[in-house]
Amino acid sequence: MTGRVEAIAAAVQQIAAGAEKVQSDMTEVAAVAEQSSASSEQVSASTQQTSASTQEIASSAQQLAKTAEELETLVGRFTLA
Protein backbone atom coordinates (compact mmCIF):
# COMPACT_ATOMS: atom_id res chain seq x y z
CA MET A 1 0.00 0.00 0.00
CA THR A 2 2.88 2.35 0.78
CA GLY A 3 4.24 1.87 -2.74
CA ARG A 4 0.89 2.85 -4.19
CA VAL A 5 0.70 6.03 -2.06
CA GLU A 6 4.23 6.95 -3.09
CA ALA A 7 3.34 6.43 -6.75
CA ILE A 8 0.25 8.62 -6.36
CA ALA A 9 2.31 11.30 -4.59
CA ALA A 10 4.91 11.20 -7.36
CA ALA A 11 2.17 11.49 -10.00
CA VAL A 12 0.62 14.47 -8.18
CA GLN A 13 4.05 16.14 -8.06
CA GLN A 14 4.50 15.58 -11.78
CA ILE A 15 1.07 17.06 -12.47
CA ALA A 16 1.86 20.07 -10.28
CA ALA A 17 5.19 20.57 -12.06
CA GLY A 18 3.42 20.32 -15.42
CA ALA A 19 0.84 22.86 -14.32
CA GLU A 20 3.60 25.24 -13.20
CA LYS A 21 5.33 24.82 -16.57
CA VAL A 22 2.08 25.57 -18.41
CA GLN A 23 1.56 28.65 -16.21
CA SER A 24 5.11 29.81 -16.93
CA ASP A 25 4.69 29.27 -20.67
CA MET A 26 1.38 31.15 -20.66
CA THR A 27 2.99 34.08 -18.83
CA GLU A 28 5.75 34.14 -21.43
CA VAL A 29 3.24 34.02 -24.29
CA ALA A 30 1.30 36.89 -22.71
CA ALA A 31 4.49 38.96 -22.43
CA VAL A 32 5.36 38.32 -26.08
CA ALA A 33 1.80 39.22 -27.13
CA GLU A 34 1.97 42.45 -25.14
CA GLN A 35 5.33 43.35 -26.71
CA SER A 36 3.95 42.57 -30.16
CA SER A 37 0.95 44.77 -29.49
CA ALA A 38 3.19 47.63 -28.37
CA SER A 39 5.30 47.22 -31.51
CA SER A 40 2.17 47.28 -33.66
CA GLU A 41 1.06 50.49 -31.98
CA GLN A 42 4.47 52.04 -32.68
CA VAL A 43 4.28 51.02 -36.34
CA SER A 44 0.78 52.49 -36.56
CA ALA A 45 1.92 55.76 -34.99
CA SER A 46 4.88 55.94 -37.37
CA THR A 47 2.62 55.27 -40.33
CA GLN A 48 0.25 58.05 -39.27
CA GLN A 49 3.17 60.43 -38.81
CA THR A 50 4.55 59.52 -42.24
CA SER A 51 1.12 60.07 -43.78
CA ALA A 52 0.83 63.50 -42.15
CA SER A 53 4.32 64.42 -43.35
CA THR A 54 3.49 63.28 -46.87
CA GLN A 55 0.36 65.43 -46.88
CA GLU A 56 2.41 68.41 -45.66
CA ILE A 57 4.95 67.86 -48.43
CA ALA A 58 2.20 67.62 -51.04
CA SER A 59 0.64 70.85 -49.76
CA SER A 60 4.02 72.59 -49.84
CA ALA A 61 4.64 71.34 -53.38
CA GLN A 62 1.29 72.72 -54.51
CA GLN A 63 2.04 76.08 -52.88
CA LEU A 64 5.47 76.19 -54.54
CA ALA A 65 3.90 75.39 -57.92
CA LYS A 66 1.41 78.21 -57.44
CA THR A 67 4.18 80.62 -56.43
CA ALA A 68 6.20 79.58 -59.50
CA GLU A 69 3.22 80.34 -61.75
CA GLU A 70 2.77 83.74 -60.11
CA LEU A 71 6.47 84.54 -60.54
CA GLU A 72 6.35 83.44 -64.16
CA THR A 73 3.43 85.80 -64.75
CA LEU A 74 5.27 88.68 -63.05
CA VAL A 75 8.48 88.04 -64.98
CA GLY A 76 6.48 87.89 -68.22
CA ARG A 77 5.44 91.53 -67.71
CA PHE A 78 9.00 92.73 -68.04
CA THR A 79 10.37 93.36 -71.50
CA LEU A 80 13.95 93.80 -72.56
CA ALA A 81 14.73 96.94 -74.44
PDB file of N, CA and C in Angstrom:
ATOM      1  N   MET A   1       0.816  -1.189   0.000  1.00  0.00           N
ATOM      2  CA  MET A   1       0.000   0.000   0.000  1.00  0.00           C
ATOM      3  C   MET A   1       0.860   1.254   0.000  1.00  0.00           C
ATOM      4  N   THR A   2       1.993   1.206   0.711  1.00  0.00           N
ATOM      5  CA  THR A   2       2.885   2.347   0.781  1.00  0.00           C
ATOM      6  C   THR A   2       3.442   2.685  -0.595  1.00  0.00           C
ATOM      7  N   GLY A   3       3.730   1.659  -1.383  1.00  0.00           N
ATOM      8  CA  GLY A   3       4.238   1.875  -2.739  1.00  0.00           C
ATOM      9  C   GLY A   3       3.228   2.602  -3.611  1.00  0.00           C
ATOM     10  N   ARG A   4       1.955   2.240  -3.415  1.00  0.00           N
ATOM     11  CA  ARG A   4       0.888   2.854  -4.186  1.00  0.00           C
ATOM     12  C   ARG A   4       0.744   4.337  -3.810  1.00  0.00           C
ATOM     13  N   VAL A   5       0.818   4.653  -2.537  1.00  0.00           N
ATOM     14  CA  VAL A   5       0.705   6.031  -2.063  1.00  0.00           C
ATOM     15  C   VAL A   5       1.878   6.853  -2.595  1.00  0.00           C
ATOM     16  N   GLU A   6       3.051   6.249  -2.569  1.00  0.00           N
ATOM     17  CA  GLU A   6       4.227   6.951  -3.091  1.00  0.00           C
ATOM     18  C   GLU A   6       4.092   7.218  -4.588  1.00  0.00           C
ATOM     19  N   ALA A   7       3.540   6.262  -5.306  1.00  0.00           N
ATOM     20  CA  ALA A   7       3.338   6.428  -6.748  1.00  0.00           C
ATOM     21  C   ALA A   7       2.334   7.545  -7.020  1.00  0.00           C
ATOM     22  N   ILE A   8       1.267   7.566  -6.217  1.00  0.00           N
ATOM     23  CA  ILE A   8       0.252   8.622  -6.362  1.00  0.00           C
ATOM     24  C   ILE A   8       0.873   9.978  -6.036  1.00  0.00           C
ATOM     25  N   ALA A   9       1.661  10.052  -4.970  1.00  0.00           N
ATOM     26  CA  ALA A   9       2.308  11.305  -4.590  1.00  0.00           C
ATOM     27  C   ALA A   9       3.261  11.773  -5.691  1.00  0.00           C
ATOM     28  N   ALA A  10       3.987  10.856  -6.283  1.00  0.00           N
ATOM     29  CA  ALA A  10       4.905  11.201  -7.363  1.00  0.00           C
ATOM     30  C   ALA A  10       4.133  11.714  -8.579  1.00  0.00           C
ATOM     31  N   ALA A  11       2.999  11.064  -8.872  1.00  0.00           N
ATOM     32  CA  ALA A  11       2.170  11.491  -9.999  1.00  0.00           C
ATOM     33  C   ALA A  11       1.600  12.891  -9.754  1.00  0.00           C
ATOM     34  N   VAL A  12       1.165  13.147  -8.531  1.00  0.00           N
ATOM     35  CA  VAL A  12       0.624  14.468  -8.185  1.00  0.00           C
ATOM     36  C   VAL A  12       1.717  15.524  -8.333  1.00  0.00           C
ATOM     37  N   GLN A  13       2.942  15.204  -7.918  1.00  0.00           N
ATOM     38  CA  GLN A  13       4.054  16.144  -8.057  1.00  0.00           C
ATOM     39  C   GLN A  13       4.357  16.419  -9.526  1.00  0.00           C
ATOM     40  N   GLN A  14       4.273  15.382 -10.349  1.00  0.00           N
ATOM     41  CA  GLN A  14       4.502  15.576 -11.779  1.00  0.00           C
ATOM     42  C   GLN A  14       3.422  16.463 -12.385  1.00  0.00           C
ATOM     43  N   ILE A  15       2.185  16.243 -11.965  1.00  0.00           N
ATOM     44  CA  ILE A  15       1.066  17.057 -12.469  1.00  0.00           C
ATOM     45  C   ILE A  15       1.246  18.506 -12.038  1.00  0.00           C
ATOM     46  N   ALA A  16       1.638  18.718 -10.784  1.00  0.00           N
ATOM     47  CA  ALA A  16       1.858  20.073 -10.279  1.00  0.00           C
ATOM     48  C   ALA A  16       2.994  20.751 -11.042  1.00  0.00           C
ATOM     49  N   ALA A  17       4.073  20.013 -11.293  1.00  0.00           N
ATOM     50  CA  ALA A  17       5.194  20.573 -12.059  1.00  0.00           C
ATOM     51  C   ALA A  17       4.758  20.919 -13.475  1.00  0.00           C
ATOM     52  N   GLY A  18       3.947  20.046 -14.072  1.00  0.00           N
ATOM     53  CA  GLY A  18       3.424  20.317 -15.416  1.00  0.00           C
ATOM     54  C   GLY A  18       2.542  21.548 -15.428  1.00  0.00           C
ATOM     55  N   ALA A  19       1.715  21.694 -14.406  1.00  0.00           N
ATOM     56  CA  ALA A  19       0.836  22.861 -14.320  1.00  0.00           C
ATOM     57  C   ALA A  19       1.654  24.142 -14.162  1.00  0.00           C
ATOM     58  N   GLU A  20       2.726  24.078 -13.369  1.00  0.00           N
ATOM     59  CA  GLU A  20       3.597  25.238 -13.198  1.00  0.00           C
ATOM     60  C   GLU A  20       4.278  25.596 -14.516  1.00  0.00           C
ATOM     61  N   LYS A  21       4.697  24.579 -15.275  1.00  0.00           N
ATOM     62  CA  LYS A  21       5.331  24.819 -16.574  1.00  0.00           C
ATOM     63  C   LYS A  21       4.347  25.469 -17.528  1.00  0.00           C
ATOM     64  N   VAL A  22       3.107  24.985 -17.551  1.00  0.00           N
ATOM     65  CA  VAL A  22       2.080  25.568 -18.408  1.00  0.00           C
ATOM     66  C   VAL A  22       1.846  27.029 -18.010  1.00  0.00           C
ATOM     67  N   GLN A  23       1.759  27.281 -16.713  1.00  0.00           N
ATOM     68  CA  GLN A  23       1.557  28.648 -16.208  1.00  0.00           C
ATOM     69  C   GLN A  23       2.710  29.545 -16.652  1.00  0.00           C
ATOM     70  N   SER A  24       3.936  29.049 -16.522  1.00  0.00           N
ATOM     71  CA  SER A  24       5.115  29.811 -16.927  1.00  0.00           C
ATOM     72  C   SER A  24       5.094  30.104 -18.425  1.00  0.00           C
ATOM     73  N   ASP A  25       4.759  29.097 -19.215  1.00  0.00           N
ATOM     74  CA  ASP A  25       4.691  29.269 -20.666  1.00  0.00           C
ATOM     75  C   ASP A  25       3.607  30.275 -21.050  1.00  0.00           C
ATOM     76  N   MET A  26       2.484  30.220 -20.382  1.00  0.00           N
ATOM     77  CA  MET A  26       1.382  31.148 -20.664  1.00  0.00           C
ATOM     78  C   MET A  26       1.779  32.583 -20.315  1.00  0.00           C
ATOM     79  N   THR A  27       2.518  32.749 -19.217  1.00  0.00           N
ATOM     80  CA  THR A  27       2.995  34.076 -18.835  1.00  0.00           C
ATOM     81  C   THR A  27       3.950  34.616 -19.896  1.00  0.00           C
ATOM     82  N   GLU A  28       4.810  33.740 -20.389  1.00  0.00           N
ATOM     83  CA  GLU A  28       5.754  34.140 -21.433  1.00  0.00           C
ATOM     84  C   GLU A  28       5.020  34.507 -22.718  1.00  0.00           C
ATOM     85  N   VAL A  29       4.029  33.732 -23.092  1.00  0.00           N
ATOM     86  CA  VAL A  29       3.236  34.019 -24.290  1.00  0.00           C
ATOM     87  C   VAL A  29       2.520  35.361 -24.134  1.00  0.00           C
ATOM     88  N   ALA A  30       1.981  35.618 -22.956  1.00  0.00           N
ATOM     89  CA  ALA A  30       1.297  36.890 -22.711  1.00  0.00           C
ATOM     90  C   ALA A  30       2.268  38.057 -22.833  1.00  0.00           C
ATOM     91  N   ALA A  31       3.483  37.893 -22.332  1.00  0.00           N
ATOM     92  CA  ALA A  31       4.487  38.957 -22.427  1.00  0.00           C
ATOM     93  C   ALA A  31       4.857  39.225 -23.883  1.00  0.00           C
ATOM     94  N   VAL A  32       5.027  38.165 -24.660  1.00  0.00           N
ATOM     95  CA  VAL A  32       5.357  38.323 -26.078  1.00  0.00           C
ATOM     96  C   VAL A  32       4.193  38.998 -26.813  1.00  0.00           C
ATOM     97  N   ALA A  33       2.976  38.610 -26.495  1.00  0.00           N
ATOM     98  CA  ALA A  33       1.805  39.219 -27.134  1.00  0.00           C
ATOM     99  C   ALA A  33       1.720  40.707 -26.793  1.00  0.00           C
ATOM    100  N   GLU A  34       2.008  41.043 -25.558  1.00  0.00           N
ATOM    101  CA  GLU A  34       1.973  42.448 -25.136  1.00  0.00           C
ATOM    102  C   GLU A  34       3.050  43.248 -25.876  1.00  0.00           C
ATOM    103  N   GLN A  35       4.238  42.681 -26.001  1.00  0.00           N
ATOM    104  CA  GLN A  35       5.327  43.348 -26.710  1.00  0.00           C
ATOM    105  C   GLN A  35       4.968  43.517 -28.191  1.00  0.00           C
ATOM    106  N   SER A  36       4.368  42.498 -28.758  1.00  0.00           N
ATOM    107  CA  SER A  36       3.948  42.567 -30.157  1.00  0.00           C
ATOM    108  C   SER A  36       2.898  43.645 -30.357  1.00  0.00           C
ATOM    109  N   SER A  37       1.985  43.739 -29.422  1.00  0.00           N
ATOM    110  CA  SER A  37       0.950  44.769 -29.492  1.00  0.00           C
ATOM    111  C   SER A  37       1.567  46.156 -29.410  1.00  0.00           C
ATOM    112  N   ALA A  38       2.516  46.331 -28.502  1.00  0.00           N
ATOM    113  CA  ALA A  38       3.194  47.626 -28.365  1.00  0.00           C
ATOM    114  C   ALA A  38       3.936  47.978 -29.647  1.00  0.00           C
ATOM    115  N   SER A  39       4.583  46.984 -30.253  1.00  0.00           N
ATOM    116  CA  SER A  39       5.299  47.215 -31.509  1.00  0.00           C
ATOM    117  C   SER A  39       4.328  47.609 -32.619  1.00  0.00           C
ATOM    118  N   SER A  40       3.189  46.960 -32.656  1.00  0.00           N
ATOM    119  CA  SER A  40       2.169  47.280 -33.664  1.00  0.00           C
ATOM    120  C   SER A  40       1.673  48.711 -33.486  1.00  0.00           C
ATOM    121  N   GLU A  41       1.498  49.124 -32.246  1.00  0.00           N
ATOM    122  CA  GLU A  41       1.058  50.492 -31.981  1.00  0.00           C
ATOM    123  C   GLU A  41       2.121  51.494 -32.435  1.00  0.00           C
ATOM    124  N   GLN A  42       3.391  51.160 -32.231  1.00  0.00           N
ATOM    125  CA  GLN A  42       4.473  52.042 -32.678  1.00  0.00           C
ATOM    126  C   GLN A  42       4.498  52.145 -34.197  1.00  0.00           C
ATOM    127  N   VAL A  43       4.303  51.021 -34.870  1.00  0.00           N
ATOM    128  CA  VAL A  43       4.275  51.022 -36.335  1.00  0.00           C
ATOM    129  C   VAL A  43       3.099  51.863 -36.824  1.00  0.00           C
ATOM    130  N   SER A  44       1.961  51.715 -36.177  1.00  0.00           N
ATOM    131  CA  SER A  44       0.782  52.485 -36.557  1.00  0.00           C
ATOM    132  C   SER A  44       1.027  53.983 -36.372  1.00  0.00           C
ATOM    133  N   ALA A  45       1.621  54.352 -35.247  1.00  0.00           N
ATOM    134  CA  ALA A  45       1.918  55.764 -34.993  1.00  0.00           C
ATOM    135  C   ALA A  45       2.898  56.304 -36.029  1.00  0.00           C
ATOM    136  N   SER A  46       3.906  55.517 -36.364  1.00  0.00           N
ATOM    137  CA  SER A  46       4.885  55.943 -37.372  1.00  0.00           C
ATOM    138  C   SER A  46       4.221  56.106 -38.736  1.00  0.00           C
ATOM    139  N   THR A  47       3.335  55.191 -39.056  1.00  0.00           N
ATOM    140  CA  THR A  47       2.621  55.270 -40.331  1.00  0.00           C
ATOM    141  C   THR A  47       1.768  56.529 -40.397  1.00  0.00           C
ATOM    142  N   GLN A  48       1.074  56.835 -39.312  1.00  0.00           N
ATOM    143  CA  GLN A  48       0.252  58.046 -39.275  1.00  0.00           C
ATOM    144  C   GLN A  48       1.116  59.296 -39.405  1.00  0.00           C
ATOM    145  N   GLN A  49       2.264  59.293 -38.735  1.00  0.00           N
ATOM    146  CA  GLN A  49       3.172  60.434 -38.812  1.00  0.00           C
ATOM    147  C   GLN A  49       3.707  60.594 -40.236  1.00  0.00           C
ATOM    148  N   THR A  50       4.059  59.483 -40.864  1.00  0.00           N
ATOM    149  CA  THR A  50       4.548  59.524 -42.241  1.00  0.00           C
ATOM    150  C   THR A  50       3.467  60.051 -43.180  1.00  0.00           C
ATOM    151  N   SER A  51       2.243  59.606 -42.964  1.00  0.00           N
ATOM    152  CA  SER A  51       1.118  60.074 -43.785  1.00  0.00           C
ATOM    153  C   SER A  51       0.922  61.578 -43.629  1.00  0.00           C
ATOM    154  N   ALA A  52       0.986  62.066 -42.389  1.00  0.00           N
ATOM    155  CA  ALA A  52       0.828  63.499 -42.148  1.00  0.00           C
ATOM    156  C   ALA A  52       1.962  64.276 -42.811  1.00  0.00           C
ATOM    157  N   SER A  53       3.174  63.756 -42.725  1.00  0.00           N
ATOM    158  CA  SER A  53       4.325  64.419 -43.353  1.00  0.00           C
ATOM    159  C   SER A  53       4.169  64.444 -44.873  1.00  0.00           C
ATOM    160  N   THR A  54       3.700  63.354 -45.428  1.00  0.00           N
ATOM    161  CA  THR A  54       3.486  63.282 -46.873  1.00  0.00           C
ATOM    162  C   THR A  54       2.446  64.297 -47.320  1.00  0.00           C
ATOM    163  N   GLN A  55       1.392  64.446 -46.547  1.00  0.00           N
ATOM    164  CA  GLN A  55       0.358  65.434 -46.879  1.00  0.00           C
ATOM    165  C   GLN A  55       0.918  66.852 -46.802  1.00  0.00           C
ATOM    166  N   GLU A  56       1.767  67.100 -45.788  1.00  0.00           N
ATOM    167  CA  GLU A  56       2.411  68.410 -45.664  1.00  0.00           C
ATOM    168  C   GLU A  56       3.290  68.695 -46.866  1.00  0.00           C
ATOM    169  N   ILE A  57       4.061  67.697 -47.274  1.00  0.00           N
ATOM    170  CA  ILE A  57       4.948  67.861 -48.427  1.00  0.00           C
ATOM    171  C   ILE A  57       4.138  68.135 -49.685  1.00  0.00           C
ATOM    172  N   ALA A  58       3.050  67.418 -49.859  1.00  0.00           N
ATOM    173  CA  ALA A  58       2.195  67.618 -51.036  1.00  0.00           C
ATOM    174  C   ALA A  58       1.618  69.028 -51.035  1.00  0.00           C
ATOM    175  N   SER A  59       1.186  69.490 -49.875  1.00  0.00           N
ATOM    176  CA  SER A  59       0.643  70.845 -49.765  1.00  0.00           C
ATOM    177  C   SER A  59       1.711  71.881 -50.085  1.00  0.00           C
ATOM    178  N   SER A  60       2.913  71.668 -49.564  1.00  0.00           N
ATOM    179  CA  SER A  60       4.023  72.589 -49.841  1.00  0.00           C
ATOM    180  C   SER A  60       4.360  72.597 -51.327  1.00  0.00           C
ATOM    181  N   ALA A  61       4.348  71.437 -51.950  1.00  0.00           N
ATOM    182  CA  ALA A  61       4.638  71.343 -53.382  1.00  0.00           C
ATOM    183  C   ALA A  61       3.595  72.100 -54.194  1.00  0.00           C
ATOM    184  N   GLN A  62       2.339  71.996 -53.806  1.00  0.00           N
ATOM    185  CA  GLN A  62       1.285  72.724 -54.510  1.00  0.00           C
ATOM    186  C   GLN A  62       1.473  74.232 -54.347  1.00  0.00           C
ATOM    187  N   GLN A  63       1.819  74.652 -53.138  1.00  0.00           N
ATOM    188  CA  GLN A  63       2.040  76.076 -52.884  1.00  0.00           C
ATOM    189  C   GLN A  63       3.226  76.588 -53.687  1.00  0.00           C
ATOM    190  N   LEU A  64       4.303  75.787 -53.746  1.00  0.00           N
ATOM    191  CA  LEU A  64       5.472  76.187 -54.541  1.00  0.00           C
ATOM    192  C   LEU A  64       5.131  76.281 -56.027  1.00  0.00           C
ATOM    193  N   ALA A  65       4.317  75.353 -56.515  1.00  0.00           N
ATOM    194  CA  ALA A  65       3.903  75.390 -57.918  1.00  0.00           C
ATOM    195  C   ALA A  65       3.089  76.647 -58.200  1.00  0.00           C
ATOM    196  N   LYS A  66       2.222  77.006 -57.285  1.00  0.00           N
ATOM    197  CA  LYS A  66       1.405  78.212 -57.438  1.00  0.00           C
ATOM    198  C   LYS A  66       2.295  79.460 -57.432  1.00  0.00           C
ATOM    199  N   THR A  67       3.257  79.481 -56.506  1.00  0.00           N
ATOM    200  CA  THR A  67       4.179  80.617 -56.433  1.00  0.00           C
ATOM    201  C   THR A  67       5.007  80.717 -57.708  1.00  0.00           C
ATOM    202  N   ALA A  68       5.435  79.588 -58.247  1.00  0.00           N
ATOM    203  CA  ALA A  68       6.204  79.581 -59.499  1.00  0.00           C
ATOM    204  C   ALA A  68       5.374  80.153 -60.642  1.00  0.00           C
ATOM    205  N   GLU A  69       4.102  79.797 -60.704  1.00  0.00           N
ATOM    206  CA  GLU A  69       3.219  80.337 -61.748  1.00  0.00           C
ATOM    207  C   GLU A  69       3.074  81.847 -61.602  1.00  0.00           C
ATOM    208  N   GLU A  70       2.906  82.303 -60.361  1.00  0.00           N
ATOM    209  CA  GLU A  70       2.768  83.740 -60.115  1.00  0.00           C
ATOM    210  C   GLU A  70       4.041  84.480 -60.515  1.00  0.00           C
ATOM    211  N   LEU A  71       5.196  83.918 -60.164  1.00  0.00           N
ATOM    212  CA  LEU A  71       6.470  84.539 -60.538  1.00  0.00           C
ATOM    213  C   LEU A  71       6.650  84.576 -62.057  1.00  0.00           C
ATOM    214  N   GLU A  72       6.249  83.483 -62.701  1.00  0.00           N
ATOM    215  CA  GLU A  72       6.353  83.435 -64.162  1.00  0.00           C
ATOM    216  C   GLU A  72       5.500  84.530 -64.796  1.00  0.00           C
ATOM    217  N   THR A  73       4.306  84.748 -64.255  1.00  0.00           N
ATOM    218  CA  THR A  73       3.425  85.798 -64.753  1.00  0.00           C
ATOM    219  C   THR A  73       4.062  87.169 -64.537  1.00  0.00           C
ATOM    220  N   LEU A  74       4.628  87.388 -63.352  1.00  0.00           N
ATOM    221  CA  LEU A  74       5.266  88.677 -63.052  1.00  0.00           C
ATOM    222  C   LEU A  74       6.480  88.922 -63.953  1.00  0.00           C
ATOM    223  N   VAL A  75       7.298  87.904 -64.149  1.00  0.00           N
ATOM    224  CA  VAL A  75       8.485  88.042 -64.981  1.00  0.00           C
ATOM    225  C   VAL A  75       8.072  88.292 -66.424  1.00  0.00           C
ATOM    226  N   GLY A  76       6.970  87.701 -66.849  1.00  0.00           N
ATOM    227  CA  GLY A  76       6.479  87.891 -68.220  1.00  0.00           C
ATOM    228  C   GLY A  76       6.074  89.324 -68.508  1.00  0.00           C
ATOM    229  N   ARG A  77       5.828  90.126 -67.511  1.00  0.00           N
ATOM    230  CA  ARG A  77       5.437  91.535 -67.714  1.00  0.00           C
ATOM    231  C   ARG A  77       6.631  92.392 -68.086  1.00  0.00           C
ATOM    232  N   PHE A  78       7.799  91.934 -67.744  1.00  0.00           N
ATOM    233  CA  PHE A  78       8.995  92.727 -68.045  1.00  0.00           C
ATOM    234  C   PHE A  78       9.426  92.456 -69.481  1.00  0.00           C
ATOM    235  N   THR A  79       9.854  93.516 -70.133  1.00  0.00           N
ATOM    236  CA  THR A  79      10.372  93.363 -71.503  1.00  0.00           C
ATOM    237  C   THR A  79      11.786  93.921 -71.548  1.00  0.00           C
ATOM    238  N   LEU A  80      12.593  93.323 -72.382  1.00  0.00           N
ATOM    239  CA  LEU A  80      13.949  93.800 -72.560  1.00  0.00           C
ATOM    240  C   LEU A  80      13.974  94.824 -73.685  1.00  0.00           C
ATOM    241  N   ALA A  81      14.668  95.881 -73.428  1.00  0.00           N
ATOM    242  CA  ALA A  81      14.728  96.941 -74.442  1.00  0.00           C
ATOM    243  C   ALA A  81      15.831  96.701 -75.417  1.00  0.00           C
TER     244      ALA A  81
END
